[in-house]
Amino acid sequence: MKLLIFFGLVLLIIAVHQLMRVIELSREFKKTKEWQVSDSDNAFNGKLMLIIGVLFFGLLLWQIDRWQDNSLPSAASVHGLKIDSLWNINMWIITIASILTNGALFYFAYKYSGKKGNKASFLAHDNRLEMVWTIVPAVVLAGIIIYGLKYWNEITDRSSDPNKITIELYAKQFDWTARYAGKDKVLGQTDYRQISGSNDVGLDTLDAAGNDDVVIKNEFHIPVNREIEFKMRSRDVIHSAYMPHFRAQMNCVPGMVTEFRFTPNKTTAEMRKDPYVIQLMAGINQARQLENKEPVEFDYTLLCNKICGSSHFNMQMTIIVDTEKDYNDWIAKQKVVKTLAAN
């Protein structure tokens, strides 16, 4: 069997060699050399570029139609609406610029395909052209940057709302813990040296401000239309608290506290009734059914957006946005922390 394979490979090599010889001999009968490009070749390539351009834009439109129903639903926070607005403006600018530049590229390749006797003009420099393609992009980019910075300053400005809710998000490989400030609206101090099995977030047991804090695992609740101030810490590596539906993300860095705040504007129940979300979840559950998995309902989710280790994919926590009454009922049922300072 091995001998037959060997002889087969030898015969294949001989056949390829003979084919190459035939091609070389056929070139001798041509009136022109193969490296000489004819007008018909240029015209054919020009038409081919026009066809490729049509296919290119056709594929672009198909991709938009195919995947537009798989994007995130509309923002569920007040500032998220501004983020979406900024995103849409950027996408329109990029799309228009891409269509104009690529359209010109394909069309010019067709219109100005080479012809015998034609000679391209050489333009070393043109101040007017330089001004156009320098000033126009600069003005557009400056507008985007100013627009973005305006919103960023509004989003990250320190809160003065006396009714805000302060929550700490504590990250570690590979889970999250939420800690609520109690009635004093002040989070207790922490000390990494006091981390233990019963003190998972390292509360300073001598700080009285931590006596009414509430520590939550698995899922945490926030009320709609109330400002939520997040303070974020990490025990081990850099994590990133990512809440995509609220358009919120902030790194959690060991040894320091980072902050982010937003105001949710849709409860979990309201989002589950959104037609787009219903359609989105139907597609997800259809895919889950193919894998013999139970159907799921929509939930807001806290994710880690840094590759923080082997179980990074599983580092998530459910967020429930309640009405004011439901939130108050829920938080009233949670047990507060009792530290040594309470004794």
C-alpha atoms as a PDB file:
ATOM      1  CA  MET A   1       0.000   0.000   0.000  1.00  0.00           C
ATOM      2  CA  LYS A   2       2.798   2.439   0.924  1.00  0.00           C
ATOM      3  CA  LEU A   3       4.617   1.529  -2.325  1.00  0.00           C
ATOM      4  CA  LEU A   4       1.502   2.397  -4.368  1.00  0.00           C
ATOM      5  CA  ILE A   5       1.185   5.755  -2.610  1.00  0.00           C
ATOM      6  CA  PHE A   6       4.856   6.467  -3.349  1.00  0.00           C
ATOM      7  CA  PHE A   7       4.490   5.678  -7.050  1.00  0.00           C
ATOM      8  CA  GLY A   8       1.287   7.734  -7.166  1.00  0.00           C
ATOM      9  CA  LEU A   9       3.103  10.797  -5.777  1.00  0.00           C
ATOM     10  CA  VAL A  10       5.950  10.314  -8.271  1.00  0.00           C
ATOM     11  CA  LEU A  11       3.496  10.178 -11.182  1.00  0.00           C
ATOM     12  CA  LEU A  12       1.710  13.300  -9.869  1.00  0.00           C
ATOM     13  CA  ILE A  13       4.983  15.229  -9.758  1.00  0.00           C
ATOM     14  CA  ILE A  14       5.828  14.125 -13.313  1.00  0.00           C
ATOM     15  CA  ALA A  15       2.360  15.158 -14.542  1.00  0.00           C
ATOM     16  CA  VAL A  16       2.646  18.616 -12.950  1.00  0.00           C
ATOM     17  CA  HIS A  17       6.098  19.050 -14.488  1.00  0.00           C
ATOM     18  CA  GLN A  18       4.813  18.152 -17.956  1.00  0.00           C
ATOM     19  CA  LEU A  19       1.865  20.526 -17.547  1.00  0.00           C
ATOM     20  CA  MET A  20       4.227  23.383 -16.710  1.00  0.00           C
ATOM     21  CA  ARG A  21       6.280  22.549 -19.836  1.00  0.00           C
ATOM     22  CA  VAL A  22       3.126  22.707 -21.980  1.00  0.00           C
ATOM     23  CA  ILE A  23       2.277  26.144 -20.520  1.00  0.00           C
ATOM     24  CA  GLU A  24       5.800  27.410 -21.222  1.00  0.00           C
ATOM     25  CA  LEU A  25       5.686  26.162 -24.817  1.00  0.00           C
ATOM     26  CA  SER A  26       2.268  27.753 -25.403  1.00  0.00           C
ATOM     27  CA  ARG A  27       3.705  31.128 -24.447  1.00  0.00           C
ATOM     28  CA  GLU A  28       6.022  30.969 -27.462  1.00  0.00           C
ATOM     29  CA  PHE A  29       3.031  31.154 -29.809  1.00  0.00           C
ATOM     30  CA  LYS A  30       1.673  34.363 -28.256  1.00  0.00           C
ATOM     31  CA  LYS A  31       2.332  37.616 -30.099  1.00  0.00           C
ATOM     32  CA  THR A  32       2.783  39.529 -26.836  1.00  0.00           C
ATOM     33  CA  LYS A  33       4.620  38.670 -23.654  1.00  0.00           C
ATOM     34  CA  GLU A  34       2.598  37.648 -20.611  1.00  0.00           C
ATOM     35  CA  TRP A  35       3.795  40.633 -18.586  1.00  0.00           C
ATOM     36  CA  GLN A  36       2.421  43.072 -21.146  1.00  0.00           C
ATOM     37  CA  VAL A  37      -1.055  44.223 -20.080  1.00  0.00           C
ATOM     38  CA  SER A  38      -3.553  44.922 -22.867  1.00  0.00           C
ATOM     39  CA  ASP A  39      -6.412  47.430 -22.894  1.00  0.00           C
ATOM     40  CA  SER A  40      -8.876  44.564 -22.768  1.00  0.00           C
ATOM     41  CA  ASP A  41      -7.175  43.250 -19.602  1.00  0.00           C
ATOM     42  CA  ASN A  42      -7.435  46.668 -17.960  1.00  0.00           C
ATOM     43  CA  ALA A  43     -11.072  47.065 -19.001  1.00  0.00           C
ATOM     44  CA  PHE A  44     -11.905  43.611 -17.649  1.00  0.00           C
ATOM     45  CA  ASN A  45     -10.198  44.364 -14.302  1.00  0.00           C
ATOM     46  CA  GLY A  46     -11.998  47.715 -14.093  1.00  0.00           C
ATOM     47  CA  LYS A  47     -15.378  46.036 -14.561  1.00  0.00           C
ATOM     48  CA  LEU A  48     -14.363  43.369 -12.063  1.00  0.00           C
ATOM     49  CA  MET A  49     -13.578  46.065  -9.464  1.00  0.00           C
ATOM     50  CA  LEU A  50     -17.024  47.588 -10.065  1.00  0.00           C
ATOM     51  CA  ILE A  51     -18.666  44.174  -9.503  1.00  0.00           C
ATOM     52  CA  ILE A  52     -16.585  43.617  -6.340  1.00  0.00           C
ATOM     53  CA  GLY A  53     -17.664  47.065  -5.093  1.00  0.00           C
ATOM     54  CA  VAL A  54     -21.343  46.200  -5.555  1.00  0.00           C
ATOM     55  CA  LEU A  55     -20.808  42.867  -3.770  1.00  0.00           C
ATOM     56  CA  PHE A  56     -18.900  44.651  -0.983  1.00  0.00           C
ATOM     57  CA  PHE A  57     -21.723  47.093  -0.237  1.00  0.00           C
ATOM     58  CA  GLY A  58     -24.307  44.350  -0.684  1.00  0.00           C
ATOM     59  CA  LEU A  59     -22.519  42.267   1.954  1.00  0.00           C
ATOM     60  CA  LEU A  60     -22.378  45.317   4.245  1.00  0.00           C
ATOM     61  CA  LEU A  61     -26.145  45.830   3.989  1.00  0.00           C
ATOM     62  CA  TRP A  62     -26.754  42.118   4.551  1.00  0.00           C
ATOM     63  CA  GLN A  63     -24.596  42.141   7.684  1.00  0.00           C
ATOM     64  CA  ILE A  64     -26.509  45.134   9.080  1.00  0.00           C
ATOM     65  CA  ASP A  65     -29.856  43.453   8.376  1.00  0.00           C
ATOM     66  CA  ARG A  66     -28.651  40.096   9.730  1.00  0.00           C
ATOM     67  CA  TRP A  67     -27.200  41.248  13.046  1.00  0.00           C
ATOM     68  CA  GLN A  68     -29.054  44.442  13.998  1.00  0.00           C
ATOM     69  CA  ASP A  69     -31.589  42.401  15.987  1.00  0.00           C
ATOM     70  CA  ASN A  70     -28.835  40.901  18.146  1.00  0.00           C
ATOM     71  CA  SER A  71     -27.527  44.097  19.703  1.00  0.00           C
ATOM     72  CA  LEU A  72     -28.227  45.331  23.222  1.00  0.00           C
ATOM     73  CA  PRO A  73     -31.675  46.769  23.949  1.00  0.00           C
ATOM     74  CA  SER A  74     -32.024  50.508  24.533  1.00  0.00           C
ATOM     75  CA  ALA A  75     -30.122  51.884  27.518  1.00  0.00           C
ATOM     76  CA  ALA A  76     -31.640  51.321  30.965  1.00  0.00           C
ATOM     77  CA  SER A  77     -30.013  54.346  32.590  1.00  0.00           C
ATOM     78  CA  VAL A  78     -30.329  58.096  32.184  1.00  0.00           C
ATOM     79  CA  HIS A  79     -26.734  58.626  31.122  1.00  0.00           C
ATOM     80  CA  GLY A  80     -26.899  55.504  28.919  1.00  0.00           C
ATOM     81  CA  LEU A  81     -29.234  57.338  26.545  1.00  0.00           C
ATOM     82  CA  LYS A  82     -26.471  59.902  25.997  1.00  0.00           C
ATOM     83  CA  ILE A  83     -23.929  57.137  25.429  1.00  0.00           C
ATOM     84  CA  ASP A  84     -26.217  55.588  22.814  1.00  0.00           C
ATOM     85  CA  SER A  85     -26.660  58.976  21.161  1.00  0.00           C
ATOM     86  CA  LEU A  86     -22.882  59.441  20.953  1.00  0.00           C
ATOM     87  CA  TRP A  87     -22.520  55.892  19.575  1.00  0.00           C
ATOM     88  CA  ASN A  88     -25.154  56.502  16.869  1.00  0.00           C
ATOM     89  CA  ILE A  89     -23.525  59.749  15.764  1.00  0.00           C
ATOM     90  CA  ASN A  90     -20.125  58.054  15.493  1.00  0.00           C
ATOM     91  CA  MET A  91     -21.571  55.135  13.528  1.00  0.00           C
ATOM     92  CA  TRP A  92     -23.302  57.469  11.061  1.00  0.00           C
ATOM     93  CA  ILE A  93     -20.084  59.432  10.499  1.00  0.00           C
ATOM     94  CA  ILE A  94     -18.042  56.246  10.033  1.00  0.00           C
ATOM     95  CA  THR A  95     -20.634  54.695   7.713  1.00  0.00           C
ATOM     96  CA  ILE A  96     -20.937  57.769   5.492  1.00  0.00           C
ATOM     97  CA  ALA A  97     -17.152  58.200   5.309  1.00  0.00           C
ATOM     98  CA  SER A  98     -16.683  54.509   4.525  1.00  0.00           C
ATOM     99  CA  ILE A  99     -19.293  54.506   1.739  1.00  0.00           C
ATOM    100  CA  LEU A 100     -17.864  57.657   0.129  1.00  0.00           C
ATOM    101  CA  THR A 101     -14.211  56.589   0.244  1.00  0.00           C
ATOM    102  CA  ASN A 102     -14.714  52.939  -0.730  1.00  0.00           C
ATOM    103  CA  GLY A 103     -17.296  53.871  -3.349  1.00  0.00           C
ATOM    104  CA  ALA A 104     -14.798  56.283  -4.922  1.00  0.00           C
ATOM    105  CA  LEU A 105     -12.082  53.610  -4.779  1.00  0.00           C
ATOM    106  CA  PHE A 106     -14.121  51.025  -6.701  1.00  0.00           C
ATOM    107  CA  TYR A 107     -15.584  53.527  -9.158  1.00  0.00           C
ATOM    108  CA  PHE A 108     -12.259  55.178 -10.019  1.00  0.00           C
ATOM    109  CA  ALA A 109     -10.670  51.753 -10.588  1.00  0.00           C
ATOM    110  CA  TYR A 110     -13.360  51.202 -13.228  1.00  0.00           C
ATOM    111  CA  LYS A 111     -13.535  54.694 -14.758  1.00  0.00           C
ATOM    112  CA  TYR A 112      -9.779  55.242 -15.004  1.00  0.00           C
ATOM    113  CA  SER A 113      -8.714  51.752 -16.048  1.00  0.00           C
ATOM    114  CA  GLY A 114      -5.476  51.854 -18.071  1.00  0.00           C
ATOM    115  CA  LYS A 115      -5.513  52.517 -21.834  1.00  0.00           C
ATOM    116  CA  LYS A 116      -2.655  52.474 -24.273  1.00  0.00           C
ATOM    117  CA  GLY A 117      -1.244  55.945 -24.783  1.00  0.00           C
ATOM    118  CA  ASN A 118      -2.821  57.411 -21.623  1.00  0.00           C
ATOM    119  CA  LYS A 119      -0.416  58.806 -19.072  1.00  0.00           C
ATOM    120  CA  ALA A 120      -1.304  59.617 -15.464  1.00  0.00           C
ATOM    121  CA  SER A 121      -0.581  63.181 -14.358  1.00  0.00           C
ATOM    122  CA  PHE A 122       1.869  63.615 -11.500  1.00  0.00           C
ATOM    123  CA  LEU A 123       0.786  65.952  -8.693  1.00  0.00           C
ATOM    124  CA  ALA A 124       3.530  66.597  -6.157  1.00  0.00           C
ATOM    125  CA  HIS A 125       1.609  68.965  -3.904  1.00  0.00           C
ATOM    126  CA  ASP A 126      -1.653  70.896  -3.684  1.00  0.00           C
ATOM    127  CA  ASN A 127      -2.282  73.233  -0.756  1.00  0.00           C
ATOM    128  CA  ARG A 128      -6.047  73.241  -1.297  1.00  0.00           C
ATOM    129  CA  LEU A 129      -6.281  69.459  -1.141  1.00  0.00           C
ATOM    130  CA  GLU A 130      -4.025  69.398   1.913  1.00  0.00           C
ATOM    131  CA  MET A 131      -6.279  71.927   3.640  1.00  0.00           C
ATOM    132  CA  VAL A 132      -9.438  69.959   2.819  1.00  0.00           C
ATOM    133  CA  TRP A 133      -8.282  66.548   4.066  1.00  0.00           C
ATOM    134  CA  THR A 134      -6.643  68.074   7.131  1.00  0.00           C
ATOM    135  CA  ILE A 135      -9.315  70.542   8.263  1.00  0.00           C
ATOM    136  CA  VAL A 136     -12.425  68.417   7.568  1.00  0.00           C
ATOM    137  CA  PRO A 137     -11.309  65.382   9.648  1.00  0.00           C
ATOM    138  CA  ALA A 138      -9.962  67.715  12.362  1.00  0.00           C
ATOM    139  CA  VAL A 139     -13.302  69.533  12.670  1.00  0.00           C
ATOM    140  CA  VAL A 140     -15.280  66.277  12.741  1.00  0.00           C
ATOM    141  CA  LEU A 141     -12.974  64.674  15.341  1.00  0.00           C
ATOM    142  CA  ALA A 142     -12.957  67.829  17.477  1.00  0.00           C
ATOM    143  CA  GLY A 143     -16.771  67.822  17.460  1.00  0.00           C
ATOM    144  CA  ILE A 144     -16.877  64.165  18.518  1.00  0.00           C
ATOM    145  CA  ILE A 145     -14.302  64.717  21.282  1.00  0.00           C
ATOM    146  CA  ILE A 146     -16.023  67.842  22.655  1.00  0.00           C
ATOM    147  CA  TYR A 147     -19.414  66.099  22.528  1.00  0.00           C
ATOM    148  CA  GLY A 148     -17.981  63.018  24.284  1.00  0.00           C
ATOM    149  CA  LEU A 149     -16.107  64.980  26.958  1.00  0.00           C
ATOM    150  CA  LYS A 150     -19.216  66.987  27.764  1.00  0.00           C
ATOM    151  CA  TYR A 151     -21.164  63.808  28.493  1.00  0.00           C
ATOM    152  CA  TRP A 152     -18.230  62.148  30.258  1.00  0.00           C
ATOM    153  CA  ASN A 153     -17.880  65.112  32.639  1.00  0.00           C
ATOM    154  CA  GLU A 154     -21.610  64.973  33.382  1.00  0.00           C
ATOM    155  CA  ILE A 155     -21.452  61.217  34.032  1.00  0.00           C
ATOM    156  CA  THR A 156     -18.344  61.246  36.234  1.00  0.00           C
ATOM    157  CA  ASP A 157     -19.083  64.478  38.122  1.00  0.00           C
ATOM    158  CA  ARG A 158     -19.282  63.925  41.882  1.00  0.00           C
ATOM    159  CA  SER A 159     -22.813  63.422  43.111  1.00  0.00           C
ATOM    160  CA  SER A 160     -24.582  65.948  45.342  1.00  0.00           C
ATOM    161  CA  ASP A 161     -27.830  63.968  45.572  1.00  0.00           C
ATOM    162  CA  PRO A 162     -28.688  63.424  49.272  1.00  0.00           C
ATOM    163  CA  ASN A 163     -30.986  60.509  48.357  1.00  0.00           C
ATOM    164  CA  LYS A 164     -28.375  58.522  46.465  1.00  0.00           C
ATOM    165  CA  ILE A 165     -27.727  54.885  47.367  1.00  0.00           C
ATOM    166  CA  THR A 166     -24.115  53.892  47.943  1.00  0.00           C
ATOM    167  CA  ILE A 167     -23.072  50.354  47.029  1.00  0.00           C
ATOM    168  CA  GLU A 168     -19.632  48.793  47.046  1.00  0.00           C
ATOM    169  CA  LEU A 169     -18.835  46.192  44.381  1.00  0.00           C
ATOM    170  CA  TYR A 170     -16.063  43.936  45.656  1.00  0.00           C
ATOM    171  CA  ALA A 171     -14.332  41.791  43.042  1.00  0.00           C
ATOM    172  CA  LYS A 172     -12.210  38.715  43.511  1.00  0.00           C
ATOM    173  CA  GLN A 173     -11.404  35.621  41.506  1.00  0.00           C
ATOM    174  CA  PHE A 174     -14.037  34.662  40.515  1.00  0.00           C
ATOM    175  CA  ASP A 175     -17.136  36.341  41.975  1.00  0.00           C
ATOM    176  CA  TRP A 176     -18.690  39.608  43.096  1.00  0.00           C
ATOM    177  CA  THR A 177     -19.947  40.824  46.467  1.00  0.00           C
ATOM    178  CA  ALA A 178     -22.209  43.860  46.892  1.00  0.00           C
ATOM    179  CA  ARG A 179     -22.125  45.890  50.118  1.00  0.00           C
ATOM    180  CA  TYR A 180     -24.781  48.510  50.889  1.00  0.00           C
ATOM    181  CA  ALA A 181     -24.255  51.517  53.120  1.00  0.00           C
ATOM    182  CA  GLY A 182     -26.804  51.422  55.956  1.00  0.00           C
ATOM    183  CA  LYS A 183     -29.005  54.145  57.398  1.00  0.00           C
ATOM    184  CA  ASP A 184     -25.963  56.345  58.048  1.00  0.00           C
ATOM    185  CA  LYS A 185     -25.317  56.290  54.252  1.00  0.00           C
ATOM    186  CA  VAL A 186     -21.623  55.635  54.945  1.00  0.00           C
ATOM    187  CA  LEU A 187     -19.750  52.461  54.059  1.00  0.00           C
ATOM    188  CA  GLY A 188     -17.605  51.074  56.845  1.00  0.00           C
ATOM    189  CA  GLN A 189     -13.821  51.130  56.475  1.00  0.00           C
ATOM    190  CA  THR A 190     -12.012  48.033  55.219  1.00  0.00           C
ATOM    191  CA  ASP A 191      -8.711  46.354  56.067  1.00  0.00           C
ATOM    192  CA  TYR A 192      -7.336  43.582  53.855  1.00  0.00           C
ATOM    193  CA  ARG A 193      -5.605  42.052  56.893  1.00  0.00           C
ATOM    194  CA  GLN A 194      -9.018  41.256  58.382  1.00  0.00           C
ATOM    195  CA  ILE A 195     -10.257  39.203  55.412  1.00  0.00           C
ATOM    196  CA  SER A 196     -11.438  35.834  56.691  1.00  0.00           C
ATOM    197  CA  GLY A 197     -14.135  33.261  55.966  1.00  0.00           C
ATOM    198  CA  SER A 198     -16.776  35.245  57.870  1.00  0.00           C
ATOM    199  CA  ASN A 199     -15.433  38.638  56.772  1.00  0.00           C
ATOM    200  CA  ASP A 200     -15.171  38.125  53.037  1.00  0.00           C
ATOM    201  CA  VAL A 201     -14.817  41.797  52.082  1.00  0.00           C
ATOM    202  CA  GLY A 202     -12.340  42.698  54.852  1.00  0.00           C
ATOM    203  CA  LEU A 203     -14.536  44.980  56.961  1.00  0.00           C
ATOM    204  CA  ASP A 204     -12.655  46.859  59.671  1.00  0.00           C
ATOM    205  CA  THR A 205     -14.287  45.362  62.764  1.00  0.00           C
ATOM    206  CA  LEU A 206     -13.388  48.432  64.852  1.00  0.00           C
ATOM    207  CA  ASP A 207     -15.175  50.912  62.574  1.00  0.00           C
ATOM    208  CA  ALA A 208     -18.684  51.693  63.864  1.00  0.00           C
ATOM    209  CA  ALA A 209     -19.746  52.990  60.431  1.00  0.00           C
ATOM    210  CA  GLY A 210     -19.843  49.402  59.210  1.00  0.00           C
ATOM    211  CA  ASN A 211     -22.372  48.205  61.811  1.00  0.00           C
ATOM    212  CA  ASP A 212     -25.365  48.760  59.560  1.00  0.00           C
ATOM    213  CA  ASP A 213     -23.774  47.716  56.246  1.00  0.00           C
ATOM    214  CA  VAL A 214     -25.484  44.962  54.273  1.00  0.00           C
ATOM    215  CA  VAL A 215     -23.383  42.369  52.414  1.00  0.00           C
ATOM    216  CA  ILE A 216     -25.058  40.575  49.485  1.00  0.00           C
ATOM    217  CA  LYS A 217     -24.079  37.598  47.326  1.00  0.00           C
ATOM    218  CA  ASN A 218     -25.601  36.143  44.123  1.00  0.00           C
ATOM    219  CA  GLU A 219     -27.770  39.142  43.167  1.00  0.00           C
ATOM    220  CA  PHE A 220     -28.296  42.714  44.286  1.00  0.00           C
ATOM    221  CA  HIS A 221     -31.241  45.091  43.978  1.00  0.00           C
ATOM    222  CA  ILE A 222     -31.405  48.786  43.102  1.00  0.00           C
ATOM    223  CA  PRO A 223     -34.454  51.095  42.855  1.00  0.00           C
ATOM    224  CA  VAL A 224     -35.529  52.736  39.611  1.00  0.00           C
ATOM    225  CA  ASN A 225     -35.115  56.517  39.207  1.00  0.00           C
ATOM    226  CA  ARG A 226     -32.697  56.769  42.159  1.00  0.00           C
ATOM    227  CA  GLU A 227     -29.045  57.663  41.739  1.00  0.00           C
ATOM    228  CA  ILE A 228     -26.759  54.724  42.534  1.00  0.00           C
ATOM    229  CA  GLU A 229     -23.186  55.478  43.552  1.00  0.00           C
ATOM    230  CA  PHE A 230     -20.831  52.519  43.106  1.00  0.00           C
ATOM    231  CA  LYS A 231     -17.510  52.237  44.884  1.00  0.00           C
ATOM    232  CA  MET A 232     -15.383  49.422  43.494  1.00  0.00           C
ATOM    233  CA  ARG A 233     -12.521  47.392  44.948  1.00  0.00           C
ATOM    234  CA  SER A 234     -10.554  44.299  44.005  1.00  0.00           C
ATOM    235  CA  ARG A 235      -8.880  41.731  46.239  1.00  0.00           C
ATOM    236  CA  ASP A 236      -6.423  40.197  43.788  1.00  0.00           C
ATOM    237  CA  VAL A 237      -6.080  41.306  40.140  1.00  0.00           C
ATOM    238  CA  ILE A 238      -7.571  44.055  37.972  1.00  0.00           C
ATOM    239  CA  HIS A 239     -11.218  43.261  37.276  1.00  0.00           C
ATOM    240  CA  SER A 240     -13.700  45.443  35.424  1.00  0.00           C
ATOM    241  CA  ALA A 241     -17.262  46.008  36.624  1.00  0.00           C
ATOM    242  CA  TYR A 242     -19.271  45.980  33.403  1.00  0.00           C
ATOM    243  CA  MET A 243     -23.036  46.553  33.382  1.00  0.00           C
ATOM    244  CA  PRO A 244     -23.799  46.646  29.648  1.00  0.00           C
ATOM    245  CA  HIS A 245     -27.525  47.436  29.844  1.00  0.00           C
ATOM    246  CA  PHE A 246     -26.735  50.557  31.893  1.00  0.00           C
ATOM    247  CA  ARG A 247     -23.785  51.500  29.652  1.00  0.00           C
ATOM    248  CA  ALA A 248     -21.525  51.469  32.706  1.00  0.00           C
ATOM    249  CA  GLN A 249     -18.005  50.136  33.144  1.00  0.00           C
ATOM    250  CA  MET A 250     -15.186  50.848  35.581  1.00  0.00           C
ATOM    251  CA  ASN A 251     -12.000  48.993  36.460  1.00  0.00           C
ATOM    252  CA  CYS A 252     -11.639  47.477  39.929  1.00  0.00           C
ATOM    253  CA  VAL A 253      -8.001  47.929  40.925  1.00  0.00           C
ATOM    254  CA  PRO A 254      -6.278  46.292  43.912  1.00  0.00           C
ATOM    255  CA  GLY A 255      -5.234  48.835  46.534  1.00  0.00           C
ATOM    256  CA  MET A 256      -7.582  51.638  45.471  1.00  0.00           C
ATOM    257  CA  VAL A 257     -11.270  52.541  45.239  1.00  0.00           C
ATOM    258  CA  THR A 258     -12.773  53.529  41.893  1.00  0.00           C
ATOM    259  CA  GLU A 259     -16.220  55.063  41.464  1.00  0.00           C
ATOM    260  CA  PHE A 260     -19.082  55.212  38.999  1.00  0.00           C
ATOM    261  CA  ARG A 261     -22.691  56.313  39.316  1.00  0.00           C
ATOM    262  CA  PHE A 262     -25.848  56.114  37.258  1.00  0.00           C
ATOM    263  CA  THR A 263     -29.615  56.374  37.569  1.00  0.00           C
ATOM    264  CA  PRO A 264     -31.590  53.361  36.272  1.00  0.00           C
ATOM    265  CA  ASN A 265     -34.721  54.322  34.357  1.00  0.00           C
ATOM    266  CA  LYS A 266     -36.338  50.920  33.675  1.00  0.00           C
ATOM    267  CA  THR A 267     -37.232  48.213  36.160  1.00  0.00           C
ATOM    268  CA  THR A 268     -36.448  44.584  35.390  1.00  0.00           C
ATOM    269  CA  ALA A 269     -40.201  43.947  34.971  1.00  0.00           C
ATOM    270  CA  GLU A 270     -40.520  46.825  32.469  1.00  0.00           C
ATOM    271  CA  MET A 271     -37.545  45.597  30.464  1.00  0.00           C
ATOM    272  CA  ARG A 272     -39.006  42.089  30.263  1.00  0.00           C
ATOM    273  CA  LYS A 273     -42.113  43.559  28.612  1.00  0.00           C
ATOM    274  CA  ASP A 274     -40.117  45.460  25.984  1.00  0.00           C
ATOM    275  CA  PRO A 275     -40.967  44.000  22.505  1.00  0.00           C
ATOM    276  CA  TYR A 276     -37.320  43.999  21.416  1.00  0.00           C
ATOM    277  CA  VAL A 277     -36.235  42.224  24.606  1.00  0.00           C
ATOM    278  CA  ILE A 278     -39.010  39.644  24.155  1.00  0.00           C
ATOM    279  CA  GLN A 279     -37.758  38.985  20.620  1.00  0.00           C
ATOM    280  CA  LEU A 280     -34.154  38.819  21.814  1.00  0.00           C
ATOM    281  CA  MET A 281     -34.934  36.351  24.602  1.00  0.00           C
ATOM    282  CA  ALA A 282     -36.989  34.198  22.223  1.00  0.00           C
ATOM    283  CA  GLY A 283     -33.893  33.766  20.057  1.00  0.00           C
ATOM    284  CA  ILE A 284     -31.721  32.996  23.077  1.00  0.00           C
ATOM    285  CA  ASN A 285     -34.160  30.400  24.425  1.00  0.00           C
ATOM    286  CA  GLN A 286     -34.458  28.823  21.001  1.00  0.00           C
ATOM    287  CA  ALA A 287     -30.687  28.338  20.990  1.00  0.00           C
ATOM    288  CA  ARG A 288     -30.800  26.990  24.560  1.00  0.00           C
ATOM    289  CA  GLN A 289     -33.499  24.509  23.583  1.00  0.00           C
ATOM    290  CA  LEU A 290     -31.165  23.025  20.962  1.00  0.00           C
ATOM    291  CA  GLU A 291     -28.700  22.339  23.804  1.00  0.00           C
ATOM    292  CA  ASN A 292     -31.451  20.889  26.045  1.00  0.00           C
ATOM    293  CA  LYS A 293     -31.216  23.825  28.458  1.00  0.00           C
ATOM    294  CA  GLU A 294     -34.048  25.415  30.418  1.00  0.00           C
ATOM    295  CA  PRO A 295     -35.469  28.718  29.100  1.00  0.00           C
ATOM    296  CA  VAL A 296     -34.394  31.897  30.917  1.00  0.00           C
ATOM    297  CA  GLU A 297     -35.904  35.318  31.531  1.00  0.00           C
ATOM    298  CA  PHE A 298     -34.194  38.605  30.895  1.00  0.00           C
ATOM    299  CA  ASP A 299     -32.044  39.938  33.746  1.00  0.00           C
ATOM    300  CA  TYR A 300     -29.629  42.805  34.090  1.00  0.00           C
ATOM    301  CA  THR A 301     -26.150  41.437  34.686  1.00  0.00           C
ATOM    302  CA  LEU A 302     -22.888  42.561  36.262  1.00  0.00           C
ATOM    303  CA  LEU A 303     -19.934  41.063  34.368  1.00  0.00           C
ATOM    304  CA  CYS A 304     -16.160  41.214  34.574  1.00  0.00           C
ATOM    305  CA  ASN A 305     -14.769  42.760  31.406  1.00  0.00           C
ATOM    306  CA  LYS A 306     -11.120  41.919  32.101  1.00  0.00           C
ATOM    307  CA  ILE A 307      -9.571  38.545  31.364  1.00  0.00           C
ATOM    308  CA  CYS A 308      -8.855  37.925  35.041  1.00  0.00           C
ATOM    309  CA  GLY A 309      -8.168  34.180  35.057  1.00  0.00           C
ATOM    310  CA  SER A 310      -9.395  30.739  34.109  1.00  0.00           C
ATOM    311  CA  SER A 311     -12.979  31.236  35.380  1.00  0.00           C
ATOM    312  CA  HIS A 312     -13.350  34.800  34.108  1.00  0.00           C
ATOM    313  CA  PHE A 313     -16.321  33.752  31.931  1.00  0.00           C
ATOM    314  CA  ASN A 314     -18.282  32.756  35.034  1.00  0.00           C
ATOM    315  CA  MET A 315     -17.721  35.987  36.979  1.00  0.00           C
ATOM    316  CA  GLN A 316     -21.177  37.541  36.894  1.00  0.00           C
ATOM    317  CA  MET A 317     -23.912  38.718  39.215  1.00  0.00           C
ATOM    318  CA  THR A 318     -27.607  39.388  38.598  1.00  0.00           C
ATOM    319  CA  ILE A 319     -28.921  42.934  39.072  1.00  0.00           C
ATOM    320  CA  ILE A 320     -32.598  43.466  39.870  1.00  0.00           C
ATOM    321  CA  VAL A 321     -34.071  46.942  39.285  1.00  0.00           C
ATOM    322  CA  ASP A 322     -37.140  47.326  41.503  1.00  0.00           C
ATOM    323  CA  THR A 323     -39.786  49.931  42.058  1.00  0.00           C
ATOM    324  CA  GLU A 324     -39.090  52.108  45.099  1.00  0.00           C
ATOM    325  CA  LYS A 325     -41.563  50.125  47.234  1.00  0.00           C
ATOM    326  CA  ASP A 326     -40.236  46.706  46.185  1.00  0.00           C
ATOM    327  CA  TYR A 327     -36.680  47.828  46.836  1.00  0.00           C
ATOM    328  CA  ASN A 328     -37.531  49.133  50.309  1.00  0.00           C
ATOM    329  CA  ASP A 329     -39.298  45.862  51.132  1.00  0.00           C
ATOM    330  CA  TRP A 330     -36.293  43.852  49.905  1.00  0.00           C
ATOM    331  CA  ILE A 331     -33.602  45.868  51.711  1.00  0.00           C
ATOM    332  CA  ALA A 332     -35.617  45.748  54.959  1.00  0.00           C
ATOM    333  CA  LYS A 333     -35.363  41.949  54.932  1.00  0.00           C
ATOM    334  CA  GLN A 334     -31.565  41.884  54.595  1.00  0.00           C
ATOM    335  CA  LYS A 335     -29.363  41.267  57.625  1.00  0.00           C
ATOM    336  CA  VAL A 336     -26.917  43.965  58.629  1.00  0.00           C
ATOM    337  CA  VAL A 337     -23.291  43.307  59.511  1.00  0.00           C
ATOM    338  CA  LYS A 338     -22.382  43.276  63.214  1.00  0.00           C
ATOM    339  CA  THR A 339     -18.753  44.185  63.892  1.00  0.00           C
ATOM    340  CA  LEU A 340     -16.776  44.307  67.147  1.00  0.00           C
ATOM    341  CA  ALA A 341     -17.375  48.058  67.228  1.00  0.00           C
ATOM    342  CA  ALA A 342     -21.071  47.347  67.830  1.00  0.00           C
ATOM    343  CA  ASN A 343     -20.356  45.656  71.155  1.00  0.00           C
END
